[in-house]
């Protein structure tokens, strides 16, 4: 949430179509040009008038100067009031000001007219600074207007450009902001199209006054209040939604695994050759004495797939709702550096934590963990990767981030939602070693979901984490050449450092 907001006037705060187009029509008539269609004159809204007269009607600089004078002849007393404030603007300005934000107007329209318009509509009280062009044509370039607005706002103090937005509806607003290193917010409810704003490379684009207000206030209590549903669910119902999905996932998963276990017991004695050796272990009499790691891993994979079925609809709905609720925080594409940092954080955390667990000796002290490892790594490598590197992350992400975290973040503080959802993820693993590891990785995964705003990223991180951990343990690297405190510390520093720099670039918690 930035504190300094520069607003364009025409097409952003007010709709000046009738006043501007009729005054342009009046000025053109003086040059023998009849333009009955006011829609064709909409491009005059926003850019400097002199420039527009030359660009759209081929007037010379001298003629353009005369056309501007003729335009103002009608505008100063009549056209100036053929104008209206967009619905929701006064309320938005009041809320922004109440949140301690510093508001300014930066318009290419002559400053004397800008002030009269703001006073006429009684919204001048919200602005600390009002800047426009001069009547003699100086300071009509948007870059100059933005610079003057910043100078008046900050005086001799350093200008924190990272705390400023320029908000406008035309490419000129975007380009003027960009020239000074200020982030721009384009609005499509004015007279600039989505295509124009995208081509100008606006940092953010919103489609309505309501969206603009939510964007500028995102993360504040005001938005959270507005987004609360009118019918508040009791806490018991909220908890039950998550518990129900958790129970149904485990229930369907376990039923599927027990069913496959029963089926294999029935058909197992008849399995011969490679298929039999691949799935079961028999004694001399042909009786089944054990399943191979391949069989248990495949049963686990099918169990995860079946476990998804009862929660799929809820997970998809909540993922879509989270995407909609957070879209205003993710209008600007994340830079490649941020994806590299989250990748480094993932690799650093996975290798660092695996080495830490091995070096501290906790893996050898946990019989439950040893049994899990023996079961998981007794399967063929590709089957293990398929189950634990692909199927398991998909199923678990749908439950833990798709349902549990997505639901928690809607009624809890984000930090608390991250920690609690990760805690449930850790408990789910059933042993202290995997539980502690899963808790830390769960925090990282939920953080990445909030940071990047797309469910694909936590899913990718979970897959990469599982595949990397599986490869480390399967190949013995996690208990062999890599195991040393210096290597552990290096990877932990990489993981923590990457999160630190990510958080410096953008705070989401």
Protein backbone atom coordinates (compact mmCIF):
# COMPACT_ATOMS: atom_id res chain seq x y z
CA UNK A 1 0.00 0.00 0.00
CA UNK A 2 1.76 3.15 -1.23
CA UNK A 3 1.31 6.51 0.52
CA UNK A 4 1.66 9.06 -2.31
CA UNK A 5 -0.92 9.03 -5.10
CA UNK A 6 -0.86 11.31 -8.15
CA UNK A 7 -4.17 11.39 -10.06
CA UNK A 8 -4.81 12.52 -13.59
CA UNK A 9 -8.04 14.53 -13.86
CA UNK A 10 -9.78 13.96 -17.19
CA UNK A 11 -10.83 10.34 -17.63
CA UNK A 12 -9.62 9.38 -14.15
CA UNK A 13 -11.42 11.55 -11.59
CA UNK A 14 -13.98 13.16 -13.89
CA UNK A 15 -15.67 12.42 -17.20
CA UNK A 16 -15.13 15.59 -19.29
CA UNK A 17 -16.35 14.22 -22.60
CA UNK A 18 -19.15 16.69 -23.34
CA UNK A 19 -17.18 19.77 -22.30
CA UNK A 20 -13.94 18.90 -24.12
CA UNK A 21 -15.44 17.54 -27.33
CA UNK A 22 -17.92 20.40 -27.80
CA UNK A 23 -15.17 22.95 -27.19
CA UNK A 24 -12.89 21.19 -29.71
CA UNK A 25 -15.82 21.18 -32.15
CA UNK A 26 -16.26 24.92 -31.52
CA UNK A 27 -12.55 25.61 -32.14
CA UNK A 28 -12.40 23.52 -35.33
CA UNK A 29 -15.37 25.36 -36.77
CA UNK A 30 -13.28 28.53 -36.68
CA UNK A 31 -10.93 26.84 -39.18
CA UNK A 32 -13.77 25.76 -41.46
CA UNK A 33 -13.74 22.20 -40.14
CA UNK A 34 -17.14 20.73 -39.27
CA UNK A 35 -17.02 17.65 -37.05
CA UNK A 36 -20.57 16.64 -36.06
CA UNK A 37 -19.49 13.31 -34.52
CA UNK A 38 -18.30 14.01 -30.96
CA UNK A 39 -17.10 10.40 -30.61
CA UNK A 40 -14.31 11.18 -33.08
CA UNK A 41 -13.09 13.93 -30.78
CA UNK A 42 -12.58 11.67 -27.74
CA UNK A 43 -8.82 11.32 -28.46
CA UNK A 44 -8.52 14.99 -27.38
CA UNK A 45 -9.31 13.90 -23.81
CA UNK A 46 -6.03 13.61 -21.93
CA UNK A 47 -3.17 14.72 -24.20
CA UNK A 48 -2.04 18.37 -24.52
CA UNK A 49 -4.48 20.26 -26.80
CA UNK A 50 -1.80 21.82 -29.03
CA UNK A 51 -0.40 18.42 -29.79
CA UNK A 52 -3.83 16.95 -30.53
CA UNK A 53 -4.89 19.71 -32.92
CA UNK A 54 -1.70 19.16 -34.91
CA UNK A 55 -1.85 15.37 -34.78
CA UNK A 56 -5.52 14.79 -35.61
CA UNK A 57 -6.35 17.73 -37.89
CA UNK A 58 -2.99 18.68 -39.36
CA UNK A 59 -2.91 22.24 -38.01
CA UNK A 60 0.39 24.09 -37.99
CA UNK A 61 1.91 25.09 -34.61
CA UNK A 62 0.58 28.64 -35.11
CA UNK A 63 -2.89 27.37 -36.05
CA UNK A 64 -2.87 24.97 -33.10
CA UNK A 65 -2.09 27.89 -30.78
CA UNK A 66 -5.04 29.82 -32.22
CA UNK A 67 -7.28 26.73 -31.93
CA UNK A 68 -6.39 26.38 -28.23
CA UNK A 69 -7.32 30.04 -27.67
CA UNK A 70 -10.66 29.47 -29.42
CA UNK A 71 -11.22 26.28 -27.41
CA UNK A 72 -10.70 28.19 -24.15
CA UNK A 73 -13.09 30.90 -25.27
CA UNK A 74 -15.95 28.45 -24.81
CA UNK A 75 -14.35 26.20 -22.18
CA UNK A 76 -13.61 28.76 -19.45
CA UNK A 77 -17.25 29.57 -18.74
CA UNK A 78 -19.30 26.77 -20.29
CA UNK A 79 -17.29 23.67 -21.21
CA UNK A 80 -15.52 23.53 -17.89
CA UNK A 81 -18.77 22.58 -16.17
CA UNK A 82 -19.99 20.16 -18.87
CA UNK A 83 -18.30 17.53 -16.78
CA UNK A 84 -19.14 14.99 -14.07
CA UNK A 85 -17.29 13.10 -11.37
CA UNK A 86 -17.16 9.33 -11.86
CA UNK A 87 -19.36 7.40 -9.44
CA UNK A 88 -17.45 6.35 -6.34
CA UNK A 89 -14.60 8.85 -6.72
CA UNK A 90 -15.50 11.16 -3.77
CA UNK A 91 -16.00 8.17 -1.46
CA UNK A 92 -12.70 6.64 -2.57
CA UNK A 93 -10.80 9.90 -2.04
CA UNK A 94 -12.28 10.27 1.43
CA UNK A 95 -11.21 6.74 2.41
CA UNK A 96 -7.71 7.15 0.95
CA UNK A 97 -7.22 10.40 2.83
CA UNK A 98 -8.50 8.83 6.07
CA UNK A 99 -5.83 6.13 5.70
CA UNK A 100 -3.12 8.77 5.84
CA UNK A 101 -2.35 8.78 2.12
CA UNK A 102 -1.08 11.95 0.43
CA UNK A 103 -3.12 12.80 -2.67
CA UNK A 104 -2.23 15.09 -5.56
CA UNK A 105 -3.60 15.93 -9.00
CA UNK A 106 -1.20 15.92 -11.96
CA UNK A 107 -3.06 17.00 -15.11
CA UNK A 108 -2.08 18.34 -18.52
CA UNK A 109 -5.06 20.69 -18.32
CA UNK A 110 -4.21 24.29 -17.30
CA UNK A 111 -3.87 24.44 -13.54
CA UNK A 112 -6.35 27.28 -13.17
CA UNK A 113 -9.05 25.13 -14.82
CA UNK A 114 -8.10 22.03 -12.80
CA UNK A 115 -8.58 23.94 -9.54
CA UNK A 116 -11.95 25.35 -10.64
CA UNK A 117 -13.20 21.88 -11.57
CA UNK A 118 -12.10 20.34 -8.28
CA UNK A 119 -13.71 23.19 -6.32
CA UNK A 120 -16.91 22.95 -8.38
CA UNK A 121 -17.30 19.28 -7.51
CA UNK A 122 -16.14 19.86 -3.91
CA UNK A 123 -13.32 17.33 -4.07
CA UNK A 124 -10.47 19.86 -3.84
CA UNK A 125 -10.32 19.28 -0.05
CA UNK A 126 -8.81 15.82 -0.59
CA UNK A 127 -5.70 17.01 -2.44
CA UNK A 128 -2.54 18.44 -0.87
CA UNK A 129 -1.16 19.48 -4.24
CA UNK A 130 -2.83 20.37 -7.55
CA UNK A 131 -0.61 20.70 -10.61
CA UNK A 132 -1.52 21.44 -14.21
CA UNK A 133 -0.01 23.13 -17.24
CA UNK A 134 0.36 26.87 -17.67
CA UNK A 135 -1.93 28.89 -19.93
CA UNK A 136 1.05 29.89 -22.06
CA UNK A 137 1.64 26.24 -23.00
CA UNK A 138 4.58 25.56 -20.70
CA UNK A 139 4.64 22.44 -18.51
CA UNK A 140 2.07 20.65 -20.63
CA UNK A 141 4.13 17.45 -21.04
CA UNK A 142 3.07 14.81 -18.54
CA UNK A 143 6.63 14.19 -17.39
CA UNK A 144 6.94 17.87 -16.44
CA UNK A 145 3.60 17.83 -14.61
CA UNK A 146 4.53 14.71 -12.62
CA UNK A 147 7.92 16.19 -11.71
CA UNK A 148 6.31 19.43 -10.50
CA UNK A 149 3.74 17.48 -8.44
CA UNK A 150 6.53 15.50 -6.76
CA UNK A 151 8.55 18.66 -6.09
CA UNK A 152 5.57 20.33 -4.44
CA UNK A 153 4.70 17.25 -2.41
CA UNK A 154 8.18 16.66 -1.03
CA UNK A 155 9.85 20.08 -1.23
CA UNK A 156 13.51 19.73 -0.23
CA UNK A 157 13.00 16.21 1.16
CA UNK A 158 14.23 13.16 -0.78
CA UNK A 159 11.51 11.73 -3.02
CA UNK A 160 10.74 8.05 -2.22
CA UNK A 161 9.73 7.02 -5.74
CA UNK A 162 8.96 3.49 -4.56
CA UNK A 163 6.12 4.99 -2.47
CA UNK A 164 4.42 6.81 -5.38
CA UNK A 165 1.77 5.81 -7.93
CA UNK A 166 0.72 7.86 -10.97
CA UNK A 167 -2.89 7.01 -11.82
CA UNK A 168 -4.35 7.86 -15.21
CA UNK A 169 -6.29 6.59 -18.20
CA UNK A 170 -3.98 7.39 -21.12
CA UNK A 171 -0.56 6.31 -22.38
CA UNK A 172 0.72 9.84 -21.63
CA UNK A 173 0.14 9.25 -17.92
CA UNK A 174 2.05 5.97 -18.05
CA UNK A 175 4.93 7.42 -20.05
CA UNK A 176 5.17 10.50 -17.83
CA UNK A 177 5.38 8.31 -14.74
CA UNK A 178 7.89 5.95 -16.31
CA UNK A 179 10.18 8.82 -17.28
CA UNK A 180 10.57 9.67 -13.59
CA UNK A 181 10.78 6.12 -12.24
CA UNK A 182 7.26 6.14 -10.77
CA UNK A 183 4.99 3.10 -11.02
CA UNK A 184 1.81 3.69 -13.04
CA UNK A 185 -1.75 2.48 -12.58
CA UNK A 186 -3.82 2.59 -15.75
CA UNK A 187 -7.63 2.81 -15.54
CA UNK A 188 -9.77 1.55 -18.40
CA UNK A 189 -13.01 3.20 -17.29
CA UNK A 190 -11.69 6.46 -18.78
CA UNK A 191 -10.72 7.11 -22.40
CA UNK A 192 -7.64 4.95 -22.79
CA UNK A 193 -8.22 1.37 -23.89
CA UNK A 194 -6.72 -1.74 -22.35
CA UNK A 195 -4.59 -2.12 -25.49
CA UNK A 196 -3.26 1.45 -25.23
CA UNK A 197 -2.31 1.00 -21.58
CA UNK A 198 -0.69 -2.38 -22.18
CA UNK A 199 1.29 -1.02 -25.12
CA UNK A 200 2.47 1.86 -22.93
CA UNK A 201 3.54 -0.79 -20.38
CA UNK A 202 1.45 0.39 -17.46
CA UNK A 203 2.64 -1.37 -14.32
CA UNK A 204 -0.93 -2.11 -13.22
CA UNK A 205 -4.30 -1.86 -14.95
CA UNK A 206 -7.73 -1.73 -13.27
CA UNK A 207 -11.14 -1.66 -14.87
CA UNK A 208 -13.34 0.34 -12.49
CA UNK A 209 -13.30 2.85 -9.64
CA UNK A 210 -14.12 0.00 -7.28
CA UNK A 211 -11.14 -2.02 -8.46
CA UNK A 212 -8.91 1.06 -8.21
CA UNK A 213 -9.98 1.62 -4.60
CA UNK A 214 -9.34 -2.01 -3.67
CA UNK A 215 -5.98 -1.94 -5.42
CA UNK A 216 -4.80 1.21 -3.65
CA UNK A 217 -6.04 -0.09 -0.28
CA UNK A 218 -4.99 -3.71 -0.71
CA UNK A 219 -3.76 -5.19 2.53
CA UNK A 220 -5.57 -2.59 4.64
CA UNK A 221 -8.37 -3.19 7.12
CA UNK A 222 -10.77 -1.26 4.86
CA UNK A 223 -10.53 -3.83 2.06
CA UNK A 224 -10.78 -6.73 4.48
CA UNK A 225 -14.00 -5.26 5.89
CA UNK A 226 -15.48 -4.81 2.42
CA UNK A 227 -14.59 -8.34 1.39
CA UNK A 228 -16.25 -9.94 4.40
CA UNK A 229 -19.37 -11.83 3.27
CA UNK A 230 -22.64 -10.31 4.36
CA UNK A 231 -23.58 -13.58 5.98
CA UNK A 232 -20.84 -14.46 8.44
CA UNK A 233 -20.23 -18.15 8.96
CA UNK A 234 -19.76 -19.24 12.56
CA UNK A 235 -16.26 -20.44 13.43
CA UNK A 236 -17.54 -23.99 13.89
CA UNK A 237 -18.74 -24.07 10.28
CA UNK A 238 -15.44 -22.67 9.02
CA UNK A 239 -13.48 -25.31 10.88
CA UNK A 240 -15.87 -28.05 9.78
CA UNK A 241 -15.33 -27.20 6.09
CA UNK A 242 -11.60 -27.85 6.48
CA UNK A 243 -11.99 -30.86 8.78
CA UNK A 244 -14.54 -32.42 6.44
CA UNK A 245 -12.21 -32.16 3.44
CA UNK A 246 -9.31 -33.51 5.49
CA UNK A 247 -11.35 -36.51 6.71
CA UNK A 248 -12.82 -37.27 3.28
CA UNK A 249 -9.37 -37.13 1.68
CA UNK A 250 -7.94 -39.60 4.21
CA UNK A 251 -11.04 -41.79 4.14
CA UNK A 252 -11.20 -42.18 0.36
CA UNK A 253 -7.43 -42.58 0.13
CA UNK A 254 -7.35 -45.34 2.73
CA UNK A 255 -10.42 -47.12 1.36
CA UNK A 256 -8.79 -47.21 -2.07
CA UNK A 257 -5.54 -48.58 -0.63
CA UNK A 258 -7.35 -51.24 1.43
CA UNK A 259 -9.39 -52.22 -1.63
CA UNK A 260 -6.24 -52.61 -3.72
CA UNK A 261 -4.61 -54.56 -0.91
CA UNK A 262 -7.58 -56.95 -0.82
CA UNK A 263 -7.58 -57.28 -4.61
CA UNK A 264 -3.88 -58.08 -4.71
CA UNK A 265 -4.37 -60.72 -2.00
CA UNK A 266 -7.01 -62.35 -4.17
CA UNK A 267 -5.14 -62.35 -7.47
CA UNK A 268 -1.59 -62.39 -6.11
CA UNK A 269 -1.15 -66.18 -5.84
CA UNK A 270 -1.95 -66.50 -9.52
CA UNK A 271 0.57 -63.87 -10.65
CA UNK A 272 3.66 -65.39 -12.19
CA UNK A 273 6.80 -64.24 -13.96
CA UNK A 274 7.87 -60.62 -14.14
CA UNK A 275 4.53 -59.20 -13.02
CA UNK A 276 4.48 -61.39 -9.93
CA UNK A 277 8.09 -60.59 -9.05
CA UNK A 278 7.39 -56.89 -9.63
CA UNK A 279 4.49 -56.77 -7.14
CA UNK A 280 4.72 -59.55 -4.56
CA UNK A 281 7.14 -61.76 -2.60
CA UNK A 282 6.20 -65.45 -2.22
CA UNK A 283 7.55 -68.27 -0.14
CA UNK A 284 8.44 -71.74 -1.44
CA UNK A 285 4.81 -72.83 -1.32
CA UNK A 286 3.60 -69.90 -3.41
CA UNK A 287 1.98 -68.06 -0.54
CA UNK A 288 2.28 -64.27 -0.45
CA UNK A 289 4.55 -63.19 2.40
CA UNK A 290 4.98 -59.52 1.44
CA UNK A 291 4.39 -56.84 -1.17
CA UNK A 292 7.29 -55.27 -2.99
CA UNK A 293 7.98 -51.57 -2.70
CA UNK A 294 6.60 -51.23 -6.23
CA UNK A 295 3.21 -52.59 -5.16
CA UNK A 296 2.89 -50.46 -2.03
CA UNK A 297 4.01 -47.34 -3.89
CA UNK A 298 1.53 -47.90 -6.73
CA UNK A 299 -1.25 -48.50 -4.19
CA UNK A 300 -0.25 -45.27 -2.48
CA UNK A 301 -0.39 -43.39 -5.82
CA UNK A 302 -3.89 -44.73 -6.58
CA UNK A 303 -4.93 -43.86 -3.02
CA UNK A 304 -3.85 -40.24 -3.52
CA UNK A 305 -5.76 -40.03 -6.81
CA UNK A 306 -8.95 -41.40 -5.24
CA UNK A 307 -8.47 -39.15 -2.20
CA UNK A 308 -8.66 -36.10 -4.49
CA UNK A 309 -12.12 -36.98 -5.78
CA UNK A 310 -14.29 -35.84 -2.82
CA UNK A 311 -12.37 -32.59 -2.31
CA UNK A 312 -11.83 -31.61 -5.95
CA UNK A 313 -14.91 -29.37 -6.22
CA UNK A 314 -14.24 -27.52 -2.96
CA UNK A 315 -10.53 -27.13 -3.75
CA UNK A 316 -11.20 -25.73 -7.23
CA UNK A 317 -13.81 -23.31 -5.90
CA UNK A 318 -11.51 -22.01 -3.16
CA UNK A 319 -8.52 -21.73 -5.52
CA UNK A 320 -10.66 -19.68 -7.94
CA UNK A 321 -11.93 -17.51 -5.07
CA UNK A 322 -8.39 -16.90 -3.81
CA UNK A 323 -7.28 -15.96 -7.31
CA UNK A 324 -10.14 -13.48 -7.63
CA UNK A 325 -9.60 -12.00 -4.17
CA UNK A 326 -5.87 -11.49 -4.70
CA UNK A 327 -5.83 -10.48 -8.36
CA UNK A 328 -5.43 -6.77 -7.56
CA UNK A 329 -2.21 -7.56 -5.71
CA UNK A 330 -0.86 -9.44 -8.73
CA UNK A 331 -1.78 -7.22 -11.68
CA UNK A 332 1.89 -6.60 -12.37
CA UNK A 333 3.84 -9.58 -13.68
CA UNK A 334 6.50 -10.79 -11.28
CA UNK A 335 10.05 -10.17 -12.53
CA UNK A 336 12.18 -13.17 -13.43
CA UNK A 337 14.48 -12.42 -10.47
CA UNK A 338 11.67 -13.25 -8.05
CA UNK A 339 11.15 -16.67 -9.60
CA UNK A 340 14.89 -17.31 -9.40
CA UNK A 341 14.87 -16.31 -5.73
CA UNK A 342 11.98 -18.63 -4.83
CA UNK A 343 13.75 -21.41 -6.75
CA UNK A 344 16.95 -20.82 -4.75
CA UNK A 345 14.92 -20.70 -1.53
CA UNK A 346 13.38 -24.07 -2.38
CA UNK A 347 16.65 -25.79 -3.25
CA UNK A 348 18.42 -24.24 -0.26
CA UNK A 349 15.66 -25.31 2.14
CA UNK A 350 15.37 -28.87 0.79
CA UNK A 351 19.09 -29.68 0.79
CA UNK A 352 19.84 -27.69 3.94
CA UNK A 353 17.04 -29.32 5.97
CA UNK A 354 17.82 -32.84 4.72
CA UNK A 355 21.46 -32.42 5.72
CA UNK A 356 20.50 -30.87 9.06
CA UNK A 357 18.25 -33.81 9.91
CA UNK A 358 20.97 -36.29 8.96
CA UNK A 359 23.80 -34.47 10.76
CA UNK A 360 21.76 -34.01 13.93
CA UNK A 361 21.08 -37.76 14.07
CA UNK A 362 17.30 -37.44 14.41
CA UNK A 363 16.65 -39.55 11.32
CA UNK A 364 18.40 -42.56 12.82
CA UNK A 365 16.58 -42.22 16.15
CA UNK A 366 13.07 -42.36 14.66
CA UNK A 367 11.89 -45.92 13.98
CA UNK A 368 8.70 -44.64 12.36
CA UNK A 369 10.68 -42.47 9.96
CA UNK A 370 13.03 -45.34 9.12
CA UNK A 371 10.06 -47.58 8.30
CA UNK A 372 8.60 -44.89 6.01
CA UNK A 373 11.94 -44.42 4.25
CA UNK A 374 12.41 -48.15 3.78
CA UNK A 375 8.94 -48.43 2.26
CA UNK A 376 9.26 -45.41 -0.04
CA UNK A 377 12.73 -46.14 -1.35
CA UNK A 378 12.25 -49.84 -1.96
CA UNK A 379 10.26 -49.13 -5.13
CA UNK A 380 11.73 -48.71 -8.59
CA UNK A 381 13.13 -45.18 -8.94
CA UNK A 382 10.69 -44.06 -11.67
CA UNK A 383 7.69 -45.43 -9.77
CA UNK A 384 8.82 -43.59 -6.67
CA UNK A 385 9.24 -40.34 -8.60
CA UNK A 386 5.79 -40.80 -10.18
CA UNK A 387 4.10 -41.34 -6.81
CA UNK A 388 6.02 -39.07 -4.45
CA UNK A 389 7.22 -36.47 -6.95
CA UNK A 390 4.02 -35.96 -8.98
CA UNK A 391 0.86 -37.60 -7.64
CA UNK A 392 1.46 -36.95 -3.95
CA UNK A 393 2.23 -33.19 -4.38
CA UNK A 394 -0.86 -32.67 -6.54
CA UNK A 395 -3.15 -34.35 -4.01
CA UNK A 396 -1.57 -32.70 -0.97
CA UNK A 397 -1.51 -29.23 -2.51
CA UNK A 398 -5.19 -29.46 -3.40
CA UNK A 399 -5.93 -30.27 0.23
CA UNK A 400 -3.44 -28.20 2.20
CA UNK A 401 -3.05 -25.06 0.07
CA UNK A 402 -6.11 -25.40 -2.16
CA UNK A 403 -8.55 -25.96 0.71
CA UNK A 404 -6.99 -25.42 4.13
CA UNK A 405 -4.72 -22.43 3.49
CA UNK A 406 -7.09 -20.83 0.95
CA UNK A 407 -9.87 -21.05 3.51
CA UNK A 408 -7.79 -19.92 6.51
CA UNK A 409 -6.47 -16.82 4.73
CA UNK A 410 -10.04 -15.59 4.28
CA UNK A 411 -10.78 -15.24 7.98
CA UNK A 412 -7.38 -15.25 9.71
CA UNK A 413 -4.36 -12.99 9.63
CA UNK A 414 -2.18 -14.12 6.70
CA UNK A 415 0.81 -14.91 8.91
CA UNK A 416 -1.35 -17.03 11.19
CA UNK A 417 -2.92 -18.78 8.20
CA UNK A 418 0.54 -19.66 6.85
CA UNK A 419 1.72 -21.08 10.18
CA UNK A 420 -1.47 -22.98 11.06
CA UNK A 421 -1.87 -24.54 7.61
CA UNK A 422 1.79 -25.60 7.72
CA UNK A 423 1.28 -27.05 11.20
CA UNK A 424 -1.64 -29.18 9.96
CA UNK A 425 0.56 -30.26 7.04
CA UNK A 426 3.27 -31.33 9.47
CA UNK A 427 0.92 -33.28 11.77
CA UNK A 428 -0.54 -35.08 8.75
CA UNK A 429 2.82 -36.79 8.11
CA UNK A 430 2.55 -38.74 11.34
CA UNK A 431 6.13 -38.63 12.63
CA UNK A 432 8.32 -35.96 14.16
CA UNK A 433 11.07 -36.03 11.52
CA UNK A 434 8.83 -35.67 8.47
CA UNK A 435 6.44 -33.48 10.44
CA UNK A 436 9.09 -30.88 11.29
CA UNK A 437 10.41 -30.87 7.73
CA UNK A 438 6.86 -30.61 6.32
CA UNK A 439 6.03 -27.71 8.67
CA UNK A 440 8.97 -25.61 7.42
CA UNK A 441 8.34 -26.49 3.77
CA UNK A 442 4.61 -25.86 4.31
CA UNK A 443 5.40 -22.32 5.49
CA UNK A 444 7.56 -21.75 2.41
CA UNK A 445 4.93 -23.16 0.05
CA UNK A 446 2.08 -21.09 1.56
CA UNK A 447 4.31 -17.99 1.48
CA UNK A 448 5.00 -18.56 -2.22
CA UNK A 449 1.26 -18.93 -2.87
CA UNK A 450 0.56 -15.58 -1.22
CA UNK A 451 3.58 -13.92 -2.85
CA UNK A 452 2.96 -14.98 -6.46
CA UNK A 453 -0.83 -15.39 -6.37
CA UNK A 454 -0.98 -18.53 -8.49
CA UNK A 455 -1.68 -22.08 -7.35
CA UNK A 456 0.75 -23.42 -9.97
CA UNK A 457 3.76 -22.11 -8.07
CA UNK A 458 3.21 -23.89 -4.72
CA UNK A 459 2.40 -27.01 -6.70
CA UNK A 460 5.70 -26.68 -8.61
CA UNK A 461 7.65 -26.03 -5.39
CA UNK A 462 6.12 -29.10 -3.73
CA UNK A 463 6.98 -31.27 -6.74
CA UNK A 464 10.54 -29.96 -6.95
CA UNK A 465 11.01 -30.42 -3.20
CA UNK A 466 9.77 -34.02 -3.23
CA UNK A 467 11.73 -34.98 -6.34
CA UNK A 468 14.93 -33.42 -5.00
CA UNK A 469 14.52 -35.07 -1.58
CA UNK A 470 13.72 -38.43 -3.20
CA UNK A 471 16.78 -38.22 -5.44
CA UNK A 472 19.05 -37.24 -2.54
CA UNK A 473 17.94 -40.18 -0.41
CA UNK A 474 17.59 -42.70 -3.23
CA UNK A 475 21.10 -42.04 -4.53
CA UNK A 476 22.58 -41.88 -1.03
CA UNK A 477 23.84 -38.30 -1.44
CA UNK A 478 21.87 -37.23 1.62
CA UNK A 479 23.83 -39.72 3.74
CA UNK A 480 27.07 -39.64 1.80
CA UNK A 481 29.29 -37.10 0.07
CA UNK A 482 27.13 -34.04 0.75
CA UNK A 483 26.77 -34.59 4.47
CA UNK A 484 28.88 -31.99 6.24
CA UNK A 485 28.12 -28.98 8.38
CA UNK A 486 29.72 -26.45 6.00
CA UNK A 487 27.58 -27.70 3.09
CA UNK A 488 24.49 -27.69 5.31
CA UNK A 489 25.13 -24.13 6.45
CA UNK A 490 25.76 -22.92 2.88
CA UNK A 491 22.41 -24.26 1.64
CA UNK A 492 20.53 -23.00 4.70
CA UNK A 493 22.00 -19.54 4.13
CA UNK A 494 20.96 -19.71 0.47
CA UNK A 495 17.41 -20.61 1.48
CA UNK A 496 17.02 -18.00 4.22
CA UNK A 497 18.85 -15.34 2.20
CA UNK A 498 16.60 -15.85 -0.81
CA UNK A 499 13.48 -15.39 1.32
CA UNK A 500 15.03 -12.30 2.90
CA UNK A 501 15.62 -10.68 -0.51
CA UNK A 502 12.19 -11.73 -1.75
CA UNK A 503 10.62 -10.08 1.27
CA UNK A 504 12.64 -6.91 0.67
CA UNK A 505 11.38 -6.73 -2.90
CA UNK A 506 7.74 -7.11 -1.82
CA UNK A 507 6.15 -7.64 1.59
CA UNK A 508 3.14 -9.97 1.62
CA UNK A 509 3.05 -11.04 5.27
